[in-house]
PDB file of N, CA and C in Angstrom:
ATOM      1  N   MET A   1     -13.833  13.580  -8.907  1.00  0.00           N
ATOM      2  CA  MET A   1     -14.182  12.080  -8.749  1.00  0.00           C
ATOM      3  C   MET A   1     -13.363  11.521  -7.411  1.00  0.00           C
ATOM      4  N   GLY A   2     -13.732  10.742  -6.779  1.00  0.00           N
ATOM      5  CA  GLY A   2     -12.013  10.560  -5.570  1.00  0.00           C
ATOM      6  C   GLY A   2     -12.732   9.269  -4.762  1.00  0.00           C
ATOM      7  N   GLY A   3     -11.538   8.331  -4.366  1.00  0.00           N
ATOM      8  CA  GLY A   3     -12.234   7.514  -3.661  1.00  0.00           C
ATOM      9  C   GLY A   3     -11.482   7.244  -2.009  1.00  0.00           C
ATOM     10  N   HIS A   4     -11.874   6.315  -1.492  1.00  0.00           N
ATOM     11  CA  HIS A   4     -11.493   6.038  -0.388  1.00  0.00           C
ATOM     12  C   HIS A   4     -11.805   4.474   0.753  1.00  0.00           C
ATOM     13  N   ILE A   5     -10.781   4.058   0.708  1.00  0.00           N
ATOM     14  CA  ILE A   5     -10.769   2.767   0.928  1.00  0.00           C
ATOM     15  C   ILE A   5     -10.017   2.870   3.038  1.00  0.00           C
ATOM     16  N   GLU A   6     -10.876   2.064   3.290  1.00  0.00           N
ATOM     17  CA  GLU A   6     -10.083   1.846   4.813  1.00  0.00           C
ATOM     18  C   GLU A   6     -10.216   0.551   5.083  1.00  0.00           C
ATOM     19  N   ILE A   7      -8.606   0.331   5.271  1.00  0.00           N
ATOM     20  CA  ILE A   7      -8.265  -1.496   5.772  1.00  0.00           C
ATOM     21  C   ILE A   7      -7.570  -1.259   7.463  1.00  0.00           C
ATOM     22  N   PRO A   8      -8.580  -2.155   8.130  1.00  0.00           N
ATOM     23  CA  PRO A   8      -7.918  -2.012   9.490  1.00  0.00           C
ATOM     24  C   PRO A   8      -6.769  -3.564   9.094  1.00  0.00           C
ATOM     25  N   VAL A   9      -6.042  -3.088  10.269  1.00  0.00           N
ATOM     26  CA  VAL A   9      -4.617  -3.971  10.268  1.00  0.00           C
ATOM     27  C   VAL A   9      -4.729  -4.132  11.832  1.00  0.00           C
ATOM     28  N   ASN A  10      -4.006  -5.508  11.525  1.00  0.00           N
ATOM     29  CA  ASN A  10      -3.684  -6.791  12.704  1.00  0.00           C
ATOM     30  C   ASN A  10      -3.633  -6.008  13.966  1.00  0.00           C
ATOM     31  N   ASN A  11      -3.000  -5.079  14.211  1.00  0.00           N
ATOM     32  CA  ASN A  11      -2.171  -4.392  15.564  1.00  0.00           C
ATOM     33  C   ASN A  11      -3.382  -3.380  15.821  1.00  0.00           C
ATOM     34  N   GLY A  12      -4.405  -3.409  14.926  1.00  0.00           N
ATOM     35  CA  GLY A  12      -5.410  -2.524  16.143  1.00  0.00           C
ATOM     36  C   GLY A  12      -5.760  -1.037  14.761  1.00  0.00           C
ATOM     37  N   ASP A  13      -4.514  -0.831  14.589  1.00  0.00           N
ATOM     38  CA  ASP A  13      -4.504   0.844  13.783  1.00  0.00           C
ATOM     39  C   ASP A  13      -5.022   0.520  12.403  1.00  0.00           C
ATOM     40  N   THR A  14      -5.539   1.455  11.697  1.00  0.00           N
ATOM     41  CA  THR A  14      -6.406   1.643  10.693  1.00  0.00           C
ATOM     42  C   THR A  14      -5.422   2.440   9.395  1.00  0.00           C
ATOM     43  N   LEU A  15      -5.671   1.901   8.022  1.00  0.00           N
ATOM     44  CA  LEU A  15      -5.141   2.735   7.053  1.00  0.00           C
ATOM     45  C   LEU A  15      -6.464   3.378   6.171  1.00  0.00           C
ATOM     46  N   TYR A  16      -6.002   4.500   6.368  1.00  0.00           N
ATOM     47  CA  TYR A  16      -7.100   5.113   5.287  1.00  0.00           C
ATOM     48  C   TYR A  16      -6.283   5.547   3.691  1.00  0.00           C
ATOM     49  N   VAL A  17      -6.838   4.699   2.655  1.00  0.00           N
ATOM     50  CA  VAL A  17      -6.360   5.267   1.545  1.00  0.00           C
ATOM     51  C   VAL A  17      -7.503   6.150   0.384  1.00  0.00           C
ATOM     52  N   THR A  18      -6.846   7.040   0.633  1.00  0.00           N
ATOM     53  CA  THR A  18      -7.561   8.121  -0.445  1.00  0.00           C
ATOM     54  C   THR A  18      -6.954   8.555  -1.815  1.00  0.00           C
ATOM     55  N   GLN A  19      -7.629   8.675  -2.919  1.00  0.00           N
ATOM     56  CA  GLN A  19      -7.247   9.427  -3.908  1.00  0.00           C
ATOM     57  C   GLN A  19      -8.551  10.962  -3.848  1.00  0.00           C
ATOM     58  N   VAL A  20      -7.894  12.274  -4.217  1.00  0.00           N
ATOM     59  CA  VAL A  20      -8.554  12.924  -4.110  1.00  0.00           C
ATOM     60  C   VAL A  20      -9.619  13.170  -5.630  1.00  0.00           C
ATOM     61  N   SER A  21      -8.641  13.412  -6.884  1.00  0.00           N
ATOM     62  CA  SER A  21      -8.696  13.352  -7.797  1.00  0.00           C
ATOM     63  C   SER A  21      -8.486  12.566  -8.917  1.00  0.00           C
ATOM     64  N   LYS A  22      -9.162  12.534  -9.929  1.00  0.00           N
ATOM     65  CA  LYS A  22      -8.721  11.298 -11.020  1.00  0.00           C
ATOM     66  C   LYS A  22      -6.937  11.897 -11.208  1.00  0.00           C
ATOM     67  N   ASN A  23      -6.354  10.673 -11.091  1.00  0.00           N
ATOM     68  CA  ASN A  23      -4.886  10.301 -11.618  1.00  0.00           C
ATOM     69  C   ASN A  23      -3.920  11.464 -10.568  1.00  0.00           C
ATOM     70  N   GLY A  24      -4.841  11.527  -9.656  1.00  0.00           N
ATOM     71  CA  GLY A  24      -4.063  12.197  -8.517  1.00  0.00           C
ATOM     72  C   GLY A  24      -3.356  11.566  -7.481  1.00  0.00           C
ATOM     73  N   ASP A  25      -2.454  12.256  -6.695  1.00  0.00           N
ATOM     74  CA  ASP A  25      -1.488  11.279  -5.866  1.00  0.00           C
ATOM     75  C   ASP A  25      -2.615  10.527  -4.991  1.00  0.00           C
ATOM     76  N   VAL A  26      -2.075   9.210  -4.070  1.00  0.00           N
ATOM     77  CA  VAL A  26      -2.645   8.729  -3.159  1.00  0.00           C
ATOM     78  C   VAL A  26      -2.626   8.956  -1.660  1.00  0.00           C
ATOM     79  N   ILE A  27      -3.568   9.364  -1.087  1.00  0.00           N
ATOM     80  CA  ILE A  27      -2.780   9.845  -0.081  1.00  0.00           C
ATOM     81  C   ILE A  27      -3.164   8.598   1.421  1.00  0.00           C
ATOM     82  N   LEU A  28      -1.962   8.225   2.031  1.00  0.00           N
ATOM     83  CA  LEU A  28      -2.088   6.933   2.900  1.00  0.00           C
ATOM     84  C   LEU A  28      -1.893   7.631   4.422  1.00  0.00           C
ATOM     85  N   ASN A  29      -3.011   7.445   5.032  1.00  0.00           N
ATOM     86  CA  ASN A  29      -2.936   7.716   6.331  1.00  0.00           C
ATOM     87  C   ASN A  29      -3.217   6.776   7.280  1.00  0.00           C
ATOM     88  N   LYS A  30      -2.150   6.817   8.335  1.00  0.00           N
ATOM     89  CA  LYS A  30      -2.663   5.881   9.477  1.00  0.00           C
ATOM     90  C   LYS A  30      -3.077   6.271  11.069  1.00  0.00           C
ATOM     91  N   TRP A  31      -4.031   5.907  10.672  1.00  0.00           N
ATOM     92  CA  TRP A  31      -4.323   5.880  12.745  1.00  0.00           C
ATOM     93  C   TRP A  31      -4.323   5.272  13.804  1.00  0.00           C
ATOM     94  N   ASP A  32      -4.273   5.364  14.660  1.00  0.00           N
ATOM     95  CA  ASP A  32      -3.837   4.628  16.122  1.00  0.00           C
ATOM     96  C   ASP A  32      -5.283   5.322  16.886  1.00  0.00           C
ATOM     97  N   GLY A  33      -5.873   4.331  16.705  1.00  0.00           N
ATOM     98  CA  GLY A  33      -7.480   4.684  17.426  1.00  0.00           C
ATOM     99  C   GLY A  33      -7.706   5.978  17.389  1.00  0.00           C
ATOM    100  N   ASP A  34      -8.177   6.952  17.853  1.00  0.00           N
ATOM    101  CA  ASP A  34      -8.297   8.435  17.045  1.00  0.00           C
ATOM    102  C   ASP A  34      -7.611   9.301  16.928  1.00  0.00           C
ATOM    103  N   ALA A  35      -6.083   8.802  16.961  1.00  0.00           N
ATOM    104  CA  ALA A  35      -4.884   9.877  16.581  1.00  0.00           C
ATOM    105  C   ALA A  35      -4.180   9.300  15.056  1.00  0.00           C
ATOM    106  N   GLN A  36      -3.999  10.203  14.600  1.00  0.00           N
ATOM    107  CA  GLN A  36      -3.522  10.234  13.105  1.00  0.00           C
ATOM    108  C   GLN A  36      -2.193   9.940  13.471  1.00  0.00           C
ATOM    109  N   THR A  37      -1.189   8.721  13.111  1.00  0.00           N
ATOM    110  CA  THR A  37       0.119   8.822  13.424  1.00  0.00           C
ATOM    111  C   THR A  37       1.264   9.246  12.214  1.00  0.00           C
ATOM    112  N   TYR A  38       0.657   8.701  11.236  1.00  0.00           N
ATOM    113  CA  TYR A  38       1.540   9.676   9.727  1.00  0.00           C
ATOM    114  C   TYR A  38       0.375   9.776   8.487  1.00  0.00           C
ATOM    115  N   GLU A  39       1.198  10.470   7.709  1.00  0.00           N
ATOM    116  CA  GLU A  39       0.560  10.985   5.979  1.00  0.00           C
ATOM    117  C   GLU A  39       1.779  10.738   5.289  1.00  0.00           C
ATOM    118  N   TYR A  40       1.469  10.318   4.188  1.00  0.00           N
ATOM    119  CA  TYR A  40       2.191  10.412   3.474  1.00  0.00           C
ATOM    120  C   TYR A  40       1.864  10.206   1.779  1.00  0.00           C
ATOM    121  N   ASN A  41       2.012  11.161   0.929  1.00  0.00           N
ATOM    122  CA  ASN A  41       1.616  11.095  -0.629  1.00  0.00           C
ATOM    123  C   ASN A  41       1.842   9.551  -1.275  1.00  0.00           C
ATOM    124  N   ILE A  42       1.528   9.389  -1.971  1.00  0.00           N
ATOM    125  CA  ILE A  42       2.072   8.284  -3.200  1.00  0.00           C
ATOM    126  C   ILE A  42       1.801   8.556  -4.859  1.00  0.00           C
ATOM    127  N   PRO A  43       2.672   9.340  -5.414  1.00  0.00           N
ATOM    128  CA  PRO A  43       2.236   9.899  -6.815  1.00  0.00           C
ATOM    129  C   PRO A  43       2.076   8.101  -7.525  1.00  0.00           C
ATOM    130  N   GLY A  44       0.808   8.386  -8.404  1.00  0.00           N
ATOM    131  CA  GLY A  44       0.021   7.215  -9.372  1.00  0.00           C
ATOM    132  C   GLY A  44       0.918   6.724  -9.879  1.00  0.00           C
ATOM    133  N   GLY A  45       2.315   7.274 -10.693  1.00  0.00           N
ATOM    134  CA  GLY A  45       2.793   6.332 -11.107  1.00  0.00           C
ATOM    135  C   GLY A  45       3.639   5.731 -10.653  1.00  0.00           C
ATOM    136  N   ASP A  46       4.257   5.883  -9.025  1.00  0.00           N
ATOM    137  CA  ASP A  46       4.634   4.987  -8.027  1.00  0.00           C
ATOM    138  C   ASP A  46       3.619   4.192  -7.815  1.00  0.00           C
ATOM    139  N   LEU A  47       2.943   4.340  -7.256  1.00  0.00           N
ATOM    140  CA  LEU A  47       1.230   2.976  -6.834  1.00  0.00           C
ATOM    141  C   LEU A  47       1.527   2.268  -7.700  1.00  0.00           C
ATOM    142  N   VAL A  48       1.780   2.567  -9.415  1.00  0.00           N
ATOM    143  CA  VAL A  48       1.372   1.610 -10.402  1.00  0.00           C
ATOM    144  C   VAL A  48       2.455   0.635 -10.157  1.00  0.00           C
ATOM    145  N   MET A  49       3.967   1.457 -10.294  1.00  0.00           N
ATOM    146  CA  MET A  49       5.088   0.266  -9.926  1.00  0.00           C
ATOM    147  C   MET A  49       4.961  -0.401  -8.652  1.00  0.00           C
ATOM    148  N   LEU A  50       4.406   0.182  -7.780  1.00  0.00           N
ATOM    149  CA  LEU A  50       4.731  -0.771  -6.352  1.00  0.00           C
ATOM    150  C   LEU A  50       3.599  -2.371  -6.653  1.00  0.00           C
ATOM    151  N   LEU A  51       2.236  -1.965  -7.493  1.00  0.00           N
ATOM    152  CA  LEU A  51       1.325  -2.543  -7.586  1.00  0.00           C
ATOM    153  C   LEU A  51       1.916  -3.687  -8.354  1.00  0.00           C
ATOM    154  N   ASN A  52       2.600  -3.567  -9.526  1.00  0.00           N
ATOM    155  CA  ASN A  52       3.219  -4.078 -10.631  1.00  0.00           C
ATOM    156  C   ASN A  52       4.392  -5.274  -9.891  1.00  0.00           C
ATOM    157  N   LEU A  53       5.609  -4.457  -9.306  1.00  0.00           N
ATOM    158  CA  LEU A  53       6.365  -5.164  -8.363  1.00  0.00           C
ATOM    159  C   LEU A  53       5.628  -5.832  -7.316  1.00  0.00           C
ATOM    160  N   TYR A  54       4.423  -5.967  -6.871  1.00  0.00           N
ATOM    161  CA  TYR A  54       4.012  -6.918  -6.061  1.00  0.00           C
ATOM    162  C   TYR A  54       3.042  -8.254  -6.810  1.00  0.00           C
ATOM    163  N   ARG A  55       2.792  -7.917  -7.784  1.00  0.00           N
ATOM    164  CA  ARG A  55       2.299  -8.559  -8.927  1.00  0.00           C
ATOM    165  C   ARG A  55       3.390  -9.678  -9.641  1.00  0.00           C
ATOM    166  N   TYR A  56       4.631  -8.597  -9.987  1.00  0.00           N
ATOM    167  CA  TYR A  56       5.691  -9.945 -10.093  1.00  0.00           C
ATOM    168  C   TYR A  56       6.229 -10.776  -9.306  1.00  0.00           C
ATOM    169  N   VAL A  57       6.299 -10.411  -8.245  1.00  0.00           N
ATOM    170  CA  VAL A  57       6.943 -11.096  -6.821  1.00  0.00           C
ATOM    171  C   VAL A  57       6.179 -11.985  -6.948  1.00  0.00           C
ATOM    172  N   LYS A  58       4.838 -11.869  -6.532  1.00  0.00           N
ATOM    173  CA  LYS A  58       3.745 -13.185  -6.538  1.00  0.00           C
ATOM    174  C   LYS A  58       3.682 -14.310  -7.605  1.00  0.00           C
ATOM    175  N   GLU A  59       3.483 -13.631  -8.766  1.00  0.00           N
ATOM    176  CA  GLU A  59       3.371 -14.561  -9.718  1.00  0.00           C
ATOM    177  C   GLU A  59       4.823 -15.116  -9.887  1.00  0.00           C
ATOM    178  N   ASN A  60       5.907 -14.884  -9.491  1.00  0.00           N
ATOM    179  CA  ASN A  60       7.085 -15.793  -9.327  1.00  0.00           C
ATOM    180  C   ASN A  60       7.870 -16.266  -8.517  1.00  0.00           C
ATOM    181  N   ASP A  61       7.180 -16.239  -7.225  1.00  0.00           N
ATOM    182  CA  ASP A  61       7.136 -17.112  -5.986  1.00  0.00           C
ATOM    183  C   ASP A  61       8.520 -16.380  -5.953  1.00  0.00           C
ATOM    184  N   MET A  62       9.189 -14.966  -5.791  1.00  0.00           N
ATOM    185  CA  MET A  62      10.414 -13.996  -5.871  1.00  0.00           C
ATOM    186  C   MET A  62      10.402 -14.456  -3.997  1.00  0.00           C
ATOM    187  N   GLN A  63      11.443 -14.240  -3.424  1.00  0.00           N
ATOM    188  CA  GLN A  63      11.966 -14.204  -2.430  1.00  0.00           C
ATOM    189  C   GLN A  63      11.824 -12.783  -2.226  1.00  0.00           C
ATOM    190  N   ASN A  64      10.975 -11.949  -0.926  1.00  0.00           N
ATOM    191  CA  ASN A  64      10.805 -10.245  -0.983  1.00  0.00           C
ATOM    192  C   ASN A  64      10.615 -10.290   0.600  1.00  0.00           C
ATOM    193  N   ASP A  65      11.357  -9.656   1.213  1.00  0.00           N
ATOM    194  CA  ASP A  65      11.177  -9.530   2.767  1.00  0.00           C
ATOM    195  C   ASP A  65       9.708  -8.920   2.897  1.00  0.00           C
ATOM    196  N   PHE A  66       9.192  -8.241   2.038  1.00  0.00           N
ATOM    197  CA  PHE A  66       7.992  -7.590   2.670  1.00  0.00           C
ATOM    198  C   PHE A  66       7.069  -8.365   1.929  1.00  0.00           C
ATOM    199  N   ILE A  67       6.642  -8.779   0.824  1.00  0.00           N
ATOM    200  CA  ILE A  67       5.632  -8.932   0.022  1.00  0.00           C
ATOM    201  C   ILE A  67       5.851 -10.583  -0.017  1.00  0.00           C
ATOM    202  N   ASN A  68       7.029 -11.246  -0.029  1.00  0.00           N
ATOM    203  CA  ASN A  68       6.533 -12.213   0.229  1.00  0.00           C
ATOM    204  C   ASN A  68       7.711 -13.072   0.574  1.00  0.00           C
ATOM    205  N   PRO A  69       8.147 -13.537   1.818  1.00  0.00           N
ATOM    206  CA  PRO A  69       9.087 -13.723   2.902  1.00  0.00           C
ATOM    207  C   PRO A  69       9.346 -15.214   2.671  1.00  0.00           C
ATOM    208  N   TYR A  70       8.614 -16.066   1.922  1.00  0.00           N
ATOM    209  CA  TYR A  70       9.318 -17.622   1.892  1.00  0.00           C
ATOM    210  C   TYR A  70       9.122 -17.938  -0.013  1.00  0.00           C
ATOM    211  N   GLY A  71       9.271 -16.847  -0.337  1.00  0.00           N
ATOM    212  CA  GLY A  71       9.233 -17.055  -1.537  1.00  0.00           C
ATOM    213  C   GLY A  71      10.454 -17.707  -1.769  1.00  0.00           C
ATOM    214  N   LYS A  72      10.180 -19.386  -2.850  1.00  0.00           N
ATOM    215  CA  LYS A  72      11.231 -19.954  -3.484  1.00  0.00           C
ATOM    216  C   LYS A  72      12.707 -19.807  -4.019  1.00  0.00           C
ATOM    217  N   ASN A  73      12.290 -18.367  -5.029  1.00  0.00           N
ATOM    218  CA  ASN A  73      13.291 -17.811  -5.750  1.00  0.00           C
ATOM    219  C   ASN A  73      13.841 -16.244  -5.322  1.00  0.00           C
ATOM    220  N   LYS A  74      15.258 -16.625  -5.470  1.00  0.00           N
ATOM    221  CA  LYS A  74      15.638 -15.272  -4.770  1.00  0.00           C
ATOM    222  C   LYS A  74      15.392 -14.056  -6.245  1.00  0.00           C
ATOM    223  N   GLU A  75      15.418 -13.147  -5.238  1.00  0.00           N
ATOM    224  CA  GLU A  75      15.312 -11.650  -6.434  1.00  0.00           C
ATOM    225  C   GLU A  75      16.705 -11.411  -7.170  1.00  0.00           C
TER     226      GLU A  75
END
């Protein structure tokens, strides 16, 4: 089991998000045209926490520099 998501970024780069095995780390690759500019692994538990943080910030309209810079409520 594995999955792959390709995300075009507004600066022309592309992010590739891959999970090689069920419950395994998520691998993030960033490409600038034909050259890979970085790669790193996100442990599954960390990814779940990041998604929960994103949901919490959005649902509560929290101000966050990366997720919701114009949020009404201070973190």
